[in-house]
């Protein structure tokens, strides 16, 4: 169960919006459930039903504060500001009364009874889900960066299928990719890249000619290009590209399944296949692509050879 699912479940059992989001994360940081409920209870309904800042936003901001852990304002504020800006871009506002525009929602007084009509007429369930998902993404991003930057192996979501990732600066971690999925030695593992600039940095030269043309036409997307003796792909997945950027631009990534088995399109399937031997499994929901990328080789003379058919733009 993702934290977003847990937050929605808590909301549907009667917790207010702020409680639902905050309590979904509190126990991960050593705060017991009952204490977490008490800490966050006053923030529901836009702070005590005053319809000010949305409770899912304040609950999320509190969870991000726990995530940073050391109480450093300089570290926490940028995270919270980015979280609020993202929420505002998605919903037009972070203010409860504006989010409930068109809904007869009273200010002050006692909370309304949780009836089927209550849930039907409000966007609150989806706002709870969204805020918890945003916080969870940040939490897992930092954990994944730490894991991979210290030589670990992680299962990560991508736009195609789930991947098993290692940092190229750690040969032992890359070797574990082969061992974990019983991949044939010598069979190359492609690099996922944050962007074209990261590919060029790794190669030590700019892409040119046909390679640059194909990159511009197909990245980000389900398109792996072999050039300079390496396979590269820029995934069409915001979280994964952020991870790649924070890990220096590229990671070695192979599909998170035993060699020859069906690729995993969700975290549970990846966990069952290879996740128990990895150091971290990131649950990013169901991969939207569902099939591996196309693979082409671009020669120095600009010739293009299709090595594997797959989705392309």
C-alpha atoms as a PDB file:
ATOM      1  CA  UNK A   1       0.000   0.000   0.000  1.00  0.00           C
ATOM      2  CA  UNK A   2       1.378   3.404  -0.942  1.00  0.00           C
ATOM      3  CA  UNK A   3       1.288   6.298   1.504  1.00  0.00           C
ATOM      4  CA  UNK A   4      -1.292   7.952  -0.744  1.00  0.00           C
ATOM      5  CA  UNK A   5      -3.548   4.905  -0.416  1.00  0.00           C
ATOM      6  CA  UNK A   6      -2.993   4.852   3.336  1.00  0.00           C
ATOM      7  CA  UNK A   7      -3.858   8.538   3.653  1.00  0.00           C
ATOM      8  CA  UNK A   8      -7.099   8.051   1.722  1.00  0.00           C
ATOM      9  CA  UNK A   9      -7.973   5.052   3.872  1.00  0.00           C
ATOM     10  CA  UNK A  10      -7.438   7.128   7.022  1.00  0.00           C
ATOM     11  CA  UNK A  11      -9.550   9.961   5.627  1.00  0.00           C
ATOM     12  CA  UNK A  12     -12.383   7.581   4.776  1.00  0.00           C
ATOM     13  CA  UNK A  13     -12.367   6.252   8.343  1.00  0.00           C
ATOM     14  CA  UNK A  14     -13.099   9.741   9.663  1.00  0.00           C
ATOM     15  CA  UNK A  15      -9.783  11.524  10.170  1.00  0.00           C
ATOM     16  CA  UNK A  16      -9.686  15.073   8.903  1.00  0.00           C
ATOM     17  CA  UNK A  17      -7.648  15.996   5.842  1.00  0.00           C
ATOM     18  CA  UNK A  18      -4.555  17.145   7.713  1.00  0.00           C
ATOM     19  CA  UNK A  19      -4.606  14.135  10.030  1.00  0.00           C
ATOM     20  CA  UNK A  20      -4.955  11.714   7.130  1.00  0.00           C
ATOM     21  CA  UNK A  21      -1.871  13.007   5.324  1.00  0.00           C
ATOM     22  CA  UNK A  22       0.305  13.524   8.408  1.00  0.00           C
ATOM     23  CA  UNK A  23      -0.591  10.230  10.082  1.00  0.00           C
ATOM     24  CA  UNK A  24       0.235   8.299   6.917  1.00  0.00           C
ATOM     25  CA  UNK A  25       3.903   9.242   7.505  1.00  0.00           C
ATOM     26  CA  UNK A  26       4.249   9.891  11.242  1.00  0.00           C
ATOM     27  CA  UNK A  27       5.004   6.341  12.377  1.00  0.00           C
ATOM     28  CA  UNK A  28       7.899   6.173   9.887  1.00  0.00           C
ATOM     29  CA  UNK A  29       9.558   8.860  11.987  1.00  0.00           C
ATOM     30  CA  UNK A  30       8.855   7.415  15.429  1.00  0.00           C
ATOM     31  CA  UNK A  31       5.610   9.251  16.206  1.00  0.00           C
ATOM     32  CA  UNK A  32       2.871   6.871  17.295  1.00  0.00           C
ATOM     33  CA  UNK A  33      -0.500   7.053  15.569  1.00  0.00           C
ATOM     34  CA  UNK A  34      -2.487   8.484  18.494  1.00  0.00           C
ATOM     35  CA  UNK A  35       0.055  11.239  19.090  1.00  0.00           C
ATOM     36  CA  UNK A  36       0.107  12.066  15.378  1.00  0.00           C
ATOM     37  CA  UNK A  37      -3.695  12.419  15.406  1.00  0.00           C
ATOM     38  CA  UNK A  38      -3.499  14.872  18.296  1.00  0.00           C
ATOM     39  CA  UNK A  39      -0.697  16.920  16.738  1.00  0.00           C
ATOM     40  CA  UNK A  40      -2.541  17.426  13.454  1.00  0.00           C
ATOM     41  CA  UNK A  41      -6.206  17.527  14.522  1.00  0.00           C
ATOM     42  CA  UNK A  42      -6.435  21.334  14.652  1.00  0.00           C
ATOM     43  CA  UNK A  43      -5.394  21.806  11.036  1.00  0.00           C
ATOM     44  CA  UNK A  44      -8.322  20.134   9.280  1.00  0.00           C
ATOM     45  CA  UNK A  45     -10.842  22.103   7.240  1.00  0.00           C
ATOM     46  CA  UNK A  46      -8.322  24.816   6.424  1.00  0.00           C
ATOM     47  CA  UNK A  47      -7.167  25.201  10.069  1.00  0.00           C
ATOM     48  CA  UNK A  48     -10.030  24.476  12.452  1.00  0.00           C
ATOM     49  CA  UNK A  49     -12.669  24.650   9.677  1.00  0.00           C
ATOM     50  CA  UNK A  50     -11.763  28.293   9.007  1.00  0.00           C
ATOM     51  CA  UNK A  51     -11.266  27.434   5.297  1.00  0.00           C
ATOM     52  CA  UNK A  52      -7.782  28.900   5.150  1.00  0.00           C
ATOM     53  CA  UNK A  53      -4.799  26.804   3.924  1.00  0.00           C
ATOM     54  CA  UNK A  54      -5.998  23.338   2.906  1.00  0.00           C
ATOM     55  CA  UNK A  55      -5.433  20.701   5.578  1.00  0.00           C
ATOM     56  CA  UNK A  56      -3.840  18.332   3.072  1.00  0.00           C
ATOM     57  CA  UNK A  57      -1.227  21.019   2.427  1.00  0.00           C
ATOM     58  CA  UNK A  58      -0.492  21.703   6.101  1.00  0.00           C
ATOM     59  CA  UNK A  59      -0.427  17.978   6.838  1.00  0.00           C
ATOM     60  CA  UNK A  60       1.972  17.484   3.961  1.00  0.00           C
ATOM     61  CA  UNK A  61       4.164  20.374   5.105  1.00  0.00           C
ATOM     62  CA  UNK A  62       4.370  18.832   8.572  1.00  0.00           C
ATOM     63  CA  UNK A  63       5.345  15.473   7.078  1.00  0.00           C
ATOM     64  CA  UNK A  64       8.071  17.147   5.024  1.00  0.00           C
ATOM     65  CA  UNK A  65       9.351  18.757   8.226  1.00  0.00           C
ATOM     66  CA  UNK A  66       9.621  15.320   9.819  1.00  0.00           C
ATOM     67  CA  UNK A  67      11.349  14.096   6.720  1.00  0.00           C
ATOM     68  CA  UNK A  68      14.098  16.694   7.054  1.00  0.00           C
ATOM     69  CA  UNK A  69      14.331  15.699  10.696  1.00  0.00           C
ATOM     70  CA  UNK A  70      16.838  18.205  12.036  1.00  0.00           C
ATOM     71  CA  UNK A  71      14.510  21.196  12.291  1.00  0.00           C
ATOM     72  CA  UNK A  72      16.619  23.264   9.914  1.00  0.00           C
ATOM     73  CA  UNK A  73      14.412  25.974   8.418  1.00  0.00           C
ATOM     74  CA  UNK A  74      16.825  26.638   5.576  1.00  0.00           C
ATOM     75  CA  UNK A  75      16.580  22.989   4.522  1.00  0.00           C
ATOM     76  CA  UNK A  76      12.843  22.567   5.062  1.00  0.00           C
ATOM     77  CA  UNK A  77      11.417  25.747   3.539  1.00  0.00           C
ATOM     78  CA  UNK A  78      12.484  25.078  -0.079  1.00  0.00           C
ATOM     79  CA  UNK A  79      10.882  21.612   0.077  1.00  0.00           C
ATOM     80  CA  UNK A  80       7.641  23.010   1.479  1.00  0.00           C
ATOM     81  CA  UNK A  81       7.608  25.877  -1.009  1.00  0.00           C
ATOM     82  CA  UNK A  82       8.085  23.479  -3.931  1.00  0.00           C
ATOM     83  CA  UNK A  83       5.367  21.209  -2.524  1.00  0.00           C
ATOM     84  CA  UNK A  84       2.909  24.120  -2.204  1.00  0.00           C
ATOM     85  CA  UNK A  85       3.720  25.413  -5.687  1.00  0.00           C
ATOM     86  CA  UNK A  86       3.183  21.968  -7.195  1.00  0.00           C
ATOM     87  CA  UNK A  87      -0.134  21.568  -5.366  1.00  0.00           C
ATOM     88  CA  UNK A  88      -1.193  25.025  -6.540  1.00  0.00           C
ATOM     89  CA  UNK A  89      -0.279  24.248 -10.168  1.00  0.00           C
ATOM     90  CA  UNK A  90      -2.407  21.108 -10.051  1.00  0.00           C
ATOM     91  CA  UNK A  91      -5.402  22.608  -8.253  1.00  0.00           C
ATOM     92  CA  UNK A  92      -5.303  26.370  -8.782  1.00  0.00           C
ATOM     93  CA  UNK A  93      -4.996  27.193  -5.091  1.00  0.00           C
ATOM     94  CA  UNK A  94      -3.830  25.943  -1.696  1.00  0.00           C
ATOM     95  CA  UNK A  95      -6.719  27.685   0.089  1.00  0.00           C
ATOM     96  CA  UNK A  96      -9.547  25.499   1.344  1.00  0.00           C
ATOM     97  CA  UNK A  97     -12.416  27.880   0.543  1.00  0.00           C
ATOM     98  CA  UNK A  98     -11.164  28.271  -3.035  1.00  0.00           C
ATOM     99  CA  UNK A  99     -10.685  24.543  -3.510  1.00  0.00           C
ATOM    100  CA  UNK A 100     -14.256  24.030  -2.286  1.00  0.00           C
ATOM    101  CA  UNK A 101     -15.669  26.696  -4.589  1.00  0.00           C
ATOM    102  CA  UNK A 102     -19.154  25.600  -5.610  1.00  0.00           C
ATOM    103  CA  UNK A 103     -19.530  23.383  -2.547  1.00  0.00           C
ATOM    104  CA  UNK A 104     -21.704  24.537   0.320  1.00  0.00           C
ATOM    105  CA  UNK A 105     -18.992  24.354   2.964  1.00  0.00           C
ATOM    106  CA  UNK A 106     -19.588  26.275   6.178  1.00  0.00           C
ATOM    107  CA  UNK A 107     -16.925  28.215   8.061  1.00  0.00           C
ATOM    108  CA  UNK A 108     -16.386  27.342  11.713  1.00  0.00           C
ATOM    109  CA  UNK A 109     -18.683  25.208  13.815  1.00  0.00           C
ATOM    110  CA  UNK A 110     -18.700  21.448  14.171  1.00  0.00           C
ATOM    111  CA  UNK A 111     -17.481  19.116  11.401  1.00  0.00           C
ATOM    112  CA  UNK A 112     -20.068  17.696   9.045  1.00  0.00           C
ATOM    113  CA  UNK A 113     -21.187  14.092   9.184  1.00  0.00           C
ATOM    114  CA  UNK A 114     -19.242  11.844   6.815  1.00  0.00           C
ATOM    115  CA  UNK A 115     -21.965  10.618   4.505  1.00  0.00           C
ATOM    116  CA  UNK A 116     -21.709   9.279   0.936  1.00  0.00           C
ATOM    117  CA  UNK A 117     -22.946  12.686  -0.234  1.00  0.00           C
ATOM    118  CA  UNK A 118     -20.174  14.403   1.735  1.00  0.00           C
ATOM    119  CA  UNK A 119     -17.488  12.474  -0.136  1.00  0.00           C
ATOM    120  CA  UNK A 120     -19.257  12.765  -3.470  1.00  0.00           C
ATOM    121  CA  UNK A 121     -19.545  16.545  -3.553  1.00  0.00           C
ATOM    122  CA  UNK A 122     -16.017  17.416  -2.424  1.00  0.00           C
ATOM    123  CA  UNK A 123     -12.561  17.022  -3.999  1.00  0.00           C
ATOM    124  CA  UNK A 124     -11.079  16.214  -0.591  1.00  0.00           C
ATOM    125  CA  UNK A 125     -10.368  12.521  -1.189  1.00  0.00           C
ATOM    126  CA  UNK A 126      -8.282  13.265  -4.279  1.00  0.00           C
ATOM    127  CA  UNK A 127      -6.549  16.175  -2.555  1.00  0.00           C
ATOM    128  CA  UNK A 128      -5.564  13.865   0.312  1.00  0.00           C
ATOM    129  CA  UNK A 129      -4.256  11.345  -2.196  1.00  0.00           C
ATOM    130  CA  UNK A 130      -2.347  13.978  -4.154  1.00  0.00           C
ATOM    131  CA  UNK A 131      -0.660  15.595  -1.159  1.00  0.00           C
ATOM    132  CA  UNK A 132       0.409  12.266   0.310  1.00  0.00           C
ATOM    133  CA  UNK A 133       1.724  11.148  -3.076  1.00  0.00           C
ATOM    134  CA  UNK A 134       3.776  14.357  -3.445  1.00  0.00           C
ATOM    135  CA  UNK A 135       5.327  13.886  -0.005  1.00  0.00           C
ATOM    136  CA  UNK A 136       6.003  10.213  -0.645  1.00  0.00           C
ATOM    137  CA  UNK A 137       7.773  11.059  -3.890  1.00  0.00           C
ATOM    138  CA  UNK A 138      10.145  13.386  -2.031  1.00  0.00           C
ATOM    139  CA  UNK A 139      10.750  10.837   0.697  1.00  0.00           C
ATOM    140  CA  UNK A 140      11.544   8.061  -1.761  1.00  0.00           C
ATOM    141  CA  UNK A 141      13.641  10.343  -3.934  1.00  0.00           C
ATOM    142  CA  UNK A 142      16.012  11.137  -1.082  1.00  0.00           C
ATOM    143  CA  UNK A 143      16.163   7.507  -0.001  1.00  0.00           C
ATOM    144  CA  UNK A 144      16.911   6.372  -3.547  1.00  0.00           C
ATOM    145  CA  UNK A 145      19.627   8.999  -4.020  1.00  0.00           C
ATOM    146  CA  UNK A 146      21.264   7.953  -0.750  1.00  0.00           C
ATOM    147  CA  UNK A 147      21.058   4.249  -1.609  1.00  0.00           C
ATOM    148  CA  UNK A 148      22.512   4.573  -5.105  1.00  0.00           C
ATOM    149  CA  UNK A 149      25.106   7.201  -4.220  1.00  0.00           C
ATOM    150  CA  UNK A 150      26.477   4.893  -1.530  1.00  0.00           C
ATOM    151  CA  UNK A 151      26.824   1.913  -3.870  1.00  0.00           C
ATOM    152  CA  UNK A 152      23.486   0.244  -3.312  1.00  0.00           C
ATOM    153  CA  UNK A 153      21.030  -1.334  -5.748  1.00  0.00           C
ATOM    154  CA  UNK A 154      17.457  -0.054  -6.042  1.00  0.00           C
ATOM    155  CA  UNK A 155      14.268  -1.005  -7.843  1.00  0.00           C
ATOM    156  CA  UNK A 156      12.850   2.158  -9.406  1.00  0.00           C
ATOM    157  CA  UNK A 157       9.803   3.076 -11.493  1.00  0.00           C
ATOM    158  CA  UNK A 158      10.217   4.263 -15.071  1.00  0.00           C
ATOM    159  CA  UNK A 159       7.882   5.188 -17.901  1.00  0.00           C
ATOM    160  CA  UNK A 160       8.155   1.704 -19.469  1.00  0.00           C
ATOM    161  CA  UNK A 161       8.695  -1.023 -16.849  1.00  0.00           C
ATOM    162  CA  UNK A 162      10.286  -1.139 -13.400  1.00  0.00           C
ATOM    163  CA  UNK A 163      14.076  -1.054 -13.413  1.00  0.00           C
ATOM    164  CA  UNK A 164      16.895  -2.415 -11.285  1.00  0.00           C
ATOM    165  CA  UNK A 165      19.415   0.399 -10.906  1.00  0.00           C
ATOM    166  CA  UNK A 166      23.021   0.925  -9.825  1.00  0.00           C
ATOM    167  CA  UNK A 167      25.398   3.863 -10.023  1.00  0.00           C
ATOM    168  CA  UNK A 168      28.066   3.415 -12.728  1.00  0.00           C
ATOM    169  CA  UNK A 169      30.737   4.713 -10.332  1.00  0.00           C
ATOM    170  CA  UNK A 170      30.331   1.536  -8.250  1.00  0.00           C
ATOM    171  CA  UNK A 171      31.407  -1.511 -10.293  1.00  0.00           C
ATOM    172  CA  UNK A 172      30.440  -3.892  -7.485  1.00  0.00           C
ATOM    173  CA  UNK A 173      26.897  -2.503  -7.519  1.00  0.00           C
ATOM    174  CA  UNK A 174      26.694  -2.902 -11.298  1.00  0.00           C
ATOM    175  CA  UNK A 175      27.925  -6.490 -10.928  1.00  0.00           C
ATOM    176  CA  UNK A 176      25.086  -7.118  -8.474  1.00  0.00           C
ATOM    177  CA  UNK A 177      22.593  -6.280 -11.227  1.00  0.00           C
ATOM    178  CA  UNK A 178      23.907  -9.271 -13.173  1.00  0.00           C
ATOM    179  CA  UNK A 179      23.840 -11.526 -10.127  1.00  0.00           C
ATOM    180  CA  UNK A 180      20.396 -10.526  -8.870  1.00  0.00           C
ATOM    181  CA  UNK A 181      18.601 -11.148 -12.153  1.00  0.00           C
ATOM    182  CA  UNK A 182      20.902 -13.928 -13.413  1.00  0.00           C
ATOM    183  CA  UNK A 183      21.846 -11.861 -16.438  1.00  0.00           C
ATOM    184  CA  UNK A 184      24.486 -13.258 -18.764  1.00  0.00           C
ATOM    185  CA  UNK A 185      27.942 -11.825 -18.092  1.00  0.00           C
ATOM    186  CA  UNK A 186      29.059  -9.486 -20.815  1.00  0.00           C
ATOM    187  CA  UNK A 187      25.512  -8.607 -21.887  1.00  0.00           C
ATOM    188  CA  UNK A 188      25.568  -4.800 -21.644  1.00  0.00           C
ATOM    189  CA  UNK A 189      23.298  -2.805 -19.342  1.00  0.00           C
ATOM    190  CA  UNK A 190      22.035   0.486 -20.709  1.00  0.00           C
ATOM    191  CA  UNK A 191      22.217   3.861 -19.012  1.00  0.00           C
ATOM    192  CA  UNK A 192      19.186   5.930 -18.130  1.00  0.00           C
ATOM    193  CA  UNK A 193      20.022   9.624 -18.381  1.00  0.00           C
ATOM    194  CA  UNK A 194      18.437  12.761 -16.960  1.00  0.00           C
ATOM    195  CA  UNK A 195      18.655  14.542 -20.321  1.00  0.00           C
ATOM    196  CA  UNK A 196      20.704  14.772 -23.508  1.00  0.00           C
ATOM    197  CA  UNK A 197      23.322  16.881 -21.734  1.00  0.00           C
ATOM    198  CA  UNK A 198      23.929  14.036 -19.278  1.00  0.00           C
ATOM    199  CA  UNK A 199      24.460  11.641 -22.194  1.00  0.00           C
ATOM    200  CA  UNK A 200      26.957  14.017 -23.780  1.00  0.00           C
ATOM    201  CA  UNK A 201      28.768  14.478 -20.466  1.00  0.00           C
ATOM    202  CA  UNK A 202      29.122  10.720 -20.066  1.00  0.00           C
ATOM    203  CA  UNK A 203      30.361  10.304 -23.624  1.00  0.00           C
ATOM    204  CA  UNK A 204      32.698  13.271 -23.348  1.00  0.00           C
ATOM    205  CA  UNK A 205      31.438  14.709 -26.617  1.00  0.00           C
ATOM    206  CA  UNK A 206      28.249  16.186 -28.089  1.00  0.00           C
ATOM    207  CA  UNK A 207      25.804  14.061 -30.021  1.00  0.00           C
ATOM    208  CA  UNK A 208      25.930  14.838 -33.715  1.00  0.00           C
ATOM    209  CA  UNK A 209      24.215  13.998 -36.968  1.00  0.00           C
ATOM    210  CA  UNK A 210      21.716  11.137 -36.893  1.00  0.00           C
ATOM    211  CA  UNK A 211      22.240  10.496 -33.176  1.00  0.00           C
ATOM    212  CA  UNK A 212      21.294  14.069 -32.275  1.00  0.00           C
ATOM    213  CA  UNK A 213      18.309  13.937 -34.633  1.00  0.00           C
ATOM    214  CA  UNK A 214      16.972  10.719 -33.075  1.00  0.00           C
ATOM    215  CA  UNK A 215      17.546  11.992 -29.544  1.00  0.00           C
ATOM    216  CA  UNK A 216      15.606  15.179 -30.269  1.00  0.00           C
ATOM    217  CA  UNK A 217      12.739  13.222 -31.826  1.00  0.00           C
ATOM    218  CA  UNK A 218      12.435  10.457 -29.220  1.00  0.00           C
ATOM    219  CA  UNK A 219      13.662  11.711 -25.828  1.00  0.00           C
ATOM    220  CA  UNK A 220      12.255  11.676 -23.297  1.00  0.00           C
ATOM    221  CA  UNK A 221      10.558   8.424 -24.165  1.00  0.00           C
ATOM    222  CA  UNK A 222      10.733   4.660 -24.673  1.00  0.00           C
ATOM    223  CA  UNK A 223      13.724   4.828 -26.992  1.00  0.00           C
ATOM    224  CA  UNK A 224      17.187   3.449 -26.268  1.00  0.00           C
ATOM    225  CA  UNK A 225      19.969   4.585 -28.560  1.00  0.00           C
ATOM    226  CA  UNK A 226      23.317   2.825 -28.756  1.00  0.00           C
ATOM    227  CA  UNK A 227      26.105   5.216 -29.628  1.00  0.00           C
ATOM    228  CA  UNK A 228      29.757   5.326 -28.671  1.00  0.00           C
ATOM    229  CA  UNK A 229      29.525   1.747 -27.436  1.00  0.00           C
ATOM    230  CA  UNK A 230      26.835   2.536 -24.838  1.00  0.00           C
ATOM    231  CA  UNK A 231      23.052   2.385 -24.782  1.00  0.00           C
ATOM    232  CA  UNK A 232      21.286   5.505 -23.516  1.00  0.00           C
ATOM    233  CA  UNK A 233      17.679   6.407 -22.785  1.00  0.00           C
ATOM    234  CA  UNK A 234      16.032   9.491 -21.301  1.00  0.00           C
ATOM    235  CA  UNK A 235      12.826   8.287 -19.581  1.00  0.00           C
ATOM    236  CA  UNK A 236       9.528  10.117 -19.863  1.00  0.00           C
ATOM    237  CA  UNK A 237       9.101  10.048 -16.091  1.00  0.00           C
ATOM    238  CA  UNK A 238       9.613  13.190 -14.017  1.00  0.00           C
ATOM    239  CA  UNK A 239      10.533  11.447 -10.761  1.00  0.00           C
ATOM    240  CA  UNK A 240      13.049   9.165 -12.455  1.00  0.00           C
ATOM    241  CA  UNK A 241      14.707  12.059 -14.286  1.00  0.00           C
ATOM    242  CA  UNK A 242      15.022  13.952 -10.991  1.00  0.00           C
ATOM    243  CA  UNK A 243      16.652  10.886  -9.461  1.00  0.00           C
ATOM    244  CA  UNK A 244      19.056  10.619 -12.365  1.00  0.00           C
ATOM    245  CA  UNK A 245      19.982  14.296 -12.127  1.00  0.00           C
ATOM    246  CA  UNK A 246      20.701  14.028  -8.415  1.00  0.00           C
ATOM    247  CA  UNK A 247      22.839  10.926  -8.994  1.00  0.00           C
ATOM    248  CA  UNK A 248      25.093  12.768 -11.410  1.00  0.00           C
ATOM    249  CA  UNK A 249      23.070  12.368 -14.599  1.00  0.00           C
ATOM    250  CA  UNK A 250      23.131   8.629 -15.397  1.00  0.00           C
ATOM    251  CA  UNK A 251      22.462   5.226 -13.823  1.00  0.00           C
ATOM    252  CA  UNK A 252      22.871   1.687 -15.082  1.00  0.00           C
ATOM    253  CA  UNK A 253      19.338   0.294 -15.261  1.00  0.00           C
ATOM    254  CA  UNK A 254      18.026  -3.083 -16.406  1.00  0.00           C
ATOM    255  CA  UNK A 255      14.455  -4.372 -16.167  1.00  0.00           C
ATOM    256  CA  UNK A 256      13.503  -5.522 -12.660  1.00  0.00           C
ATOM    257  CA  UNK A 257      12.828  -9.167 -13.464  1.00  0.00           C
ATOM    258  CA  UNK A 258      14.760 -12.384 -13.706  1.00  0.00           C
ATOM    259  CA  UNK A 259      16.498 -12.727 -17.049  1.00  0.00           C
ATOM    260  CA  UNK A 260      14.004 -13.970 -19.630  1.00  0.00           C
ATOM    261  CA  UNK A 261      10.970 -13.382 -17.395  1.00  0.00           C
ATOM    262  CA  UNK A 262       8.113 -10.965 -18.004  1.00  0.00           C
ATOM    263  CA  UNK A 263       9.029  -7.340 -17.104  1.00  0.00           C
ATOM    264  CA  UNK A 264       7.457  -5.925 -13.949  1.00  0.00           C
ATOM    265  CA  UNK A 265       5.022  -3.055 -14.337  1.00  0.00           C
ATOM    266  CA  UNK A 266       4.394  -2.439 -10.628  1.00  0.00           C
ATOM    267  CA  UNK A 267       6.425  -2.536  -7.436  1.00  0.00           C
ATOM    268  CA  UNK A 268       4.827  -5.722  -6.104  1.00  0.00           C
ATOM    269  CA  UNK A 269       5.791  -7.658  -9.225  1.00  0.00           C
ATOM    270  CA  UNK A 270       9.312  -6.227  -9.120  1.00  0.00           C
ATOM    271  CA  UNK A 271       9.637  -7.095  -5.435  1.00  0.00           C
ATOM    272  CA  UNK A 272       8.569 -10.668  -6.113  1.00  0.00           C
ATOM    273  CA  UNK A 273      11.047 -10.993  -8.973  1.00  0.00           C
ATOM    274  CA  UNK A 274      14.201  -9.256  -7.744  1.00  0.00           C
ATOM    275  CA  UNK A 275      13.294  -6.762  -5.021  1.00  0.00           C
ATOM    276  CA  UNK A 276      14.136  -8.975  -2.054  1.00  0.00           C
ATOM    277  CA  UNK A 277      17.785  -8.906  -3.148  1.00  0.00           C
ATOM    278  CA  UNK A 278      17.845  -5.149  -3.764  1.00  0.00           C
ATOM    279  CA  UNK A 279      18.565  -2.569  -1.073  1.00  0.00           C
ATOM    280  CA  UNK A 280      15.503  -0.452  -1.818  1.00  0.00           C
ATOM    281  CA  UNK A 281      12.225  -0.790  -3.707  1.00  0.00           C
ATOM    282  CA  UNK A 282      10.482   2.419  -4.758  1.00  0.00           C
ATOM    283  CA  UNK A 283       6.753   2.092  -5.350  1.00  0.00           C
ATOM    284  CA  UNK A 284       5.767   4.527  -8.091  1.00  0.00           C
ATOM    285  CA  UNK A 285       2.467   2.915  -9.016  1.00  0.00           C
ATOM    286  CA  UNK A 286       1.856   1.157 -12.310  1.00  0.00           C
ATOM    287  CA  UNK A 287       4.272   1.916 -15.145  1.00  0.00           C
ATOM    288  CA  UNK A 288       2.292   3.615 -17.881  1.00  0.00           C
ATOM    289  CA  UNK A 289       4.214   2.077 -20.768  1.00  0.00           C
ATOM    290  CA  UNK A 290       4.170  -1.550 -19.740  1.00  0.00           C
ATOM    291  CA  UNK A 291       6.663  -2.766 -22.340  1.00  0.00           C
ATOM    292  CA  UNK A 292      10.428  -2.338 -22.783  1.00  0.00           C
ATOM    293  CA  UNK A 293      11.789   0.414 -25.000  1.00  0.00           C
ATOM    294  CA  UNK A 294      12.804   0.238 -28.622  1.00  0.00           C
ATOM    295  CA  UNK A 295      16.570  -0.131 -29.102  1.00  0.00           C
ATOM    296  CA  UNK A 296      18.517   1.175 -32.102  1.00  0.00           C
ATOM    297  CA  UNK A 297      22.220   1.431 -32.842  1.00  0.00           C
ATOM    298  CA  UNK A 298      23.538   4.525 -34.598  1.00  0.00           C
ATOM    299  CA  UNK A 299      26.853   4.031 -36.369  1.00  0.00           C
ATOM    300  CA  UNK A 300      29.564   6.644 -36.677  1.00  0.00           C
ATOM    301  CA  UNK A 301      28.530   7.022 -40.313  1.00  0.00           C
ATOM    302  CA  UNK A 302      24.899   7.709 -39.339  1.00  0.00           C
ATOM    303  CA  UNK A 303      23.509   4.272 -40.233  1.00  0.00           C
ATOM    304  CA  UNK A 304      20.661   3.081 -38.010  1.00  0.00           C
ATOM    305  CA  UNK A 305      20.162  -0.549 -37.013  1.00  0.00           C
ATOM    306  CA  UNK A 306      17.030  -1.630 -35.091  1.00  0.00           C
ATOM    307  CA  UNK A 307      18.092  -4.047 -32.332  1.00  0.00           C
ATOM    308  CA  UNK A 308      14.684  -4.336 -30.643  1.00  0.00           C
ATOM    309  CA  UNK A 309      11.287  -3.192 -31.766  1.00  0.00           C
ATOM    310  CA  UNK A 310       9.272  -1.174 -29.313  1.00  0.00           C
ATOM    311  CA  UNK A 311       7.180   1.953 -28.809  1.00  0.00           C
ATOM    312  CA  UNK A 312       8.529   5.106 -30.434  1.00  0.00           C
ATOM    313  CA  UNK A 313       7.308   8.641 -30.924  1.00  0.00           C
END
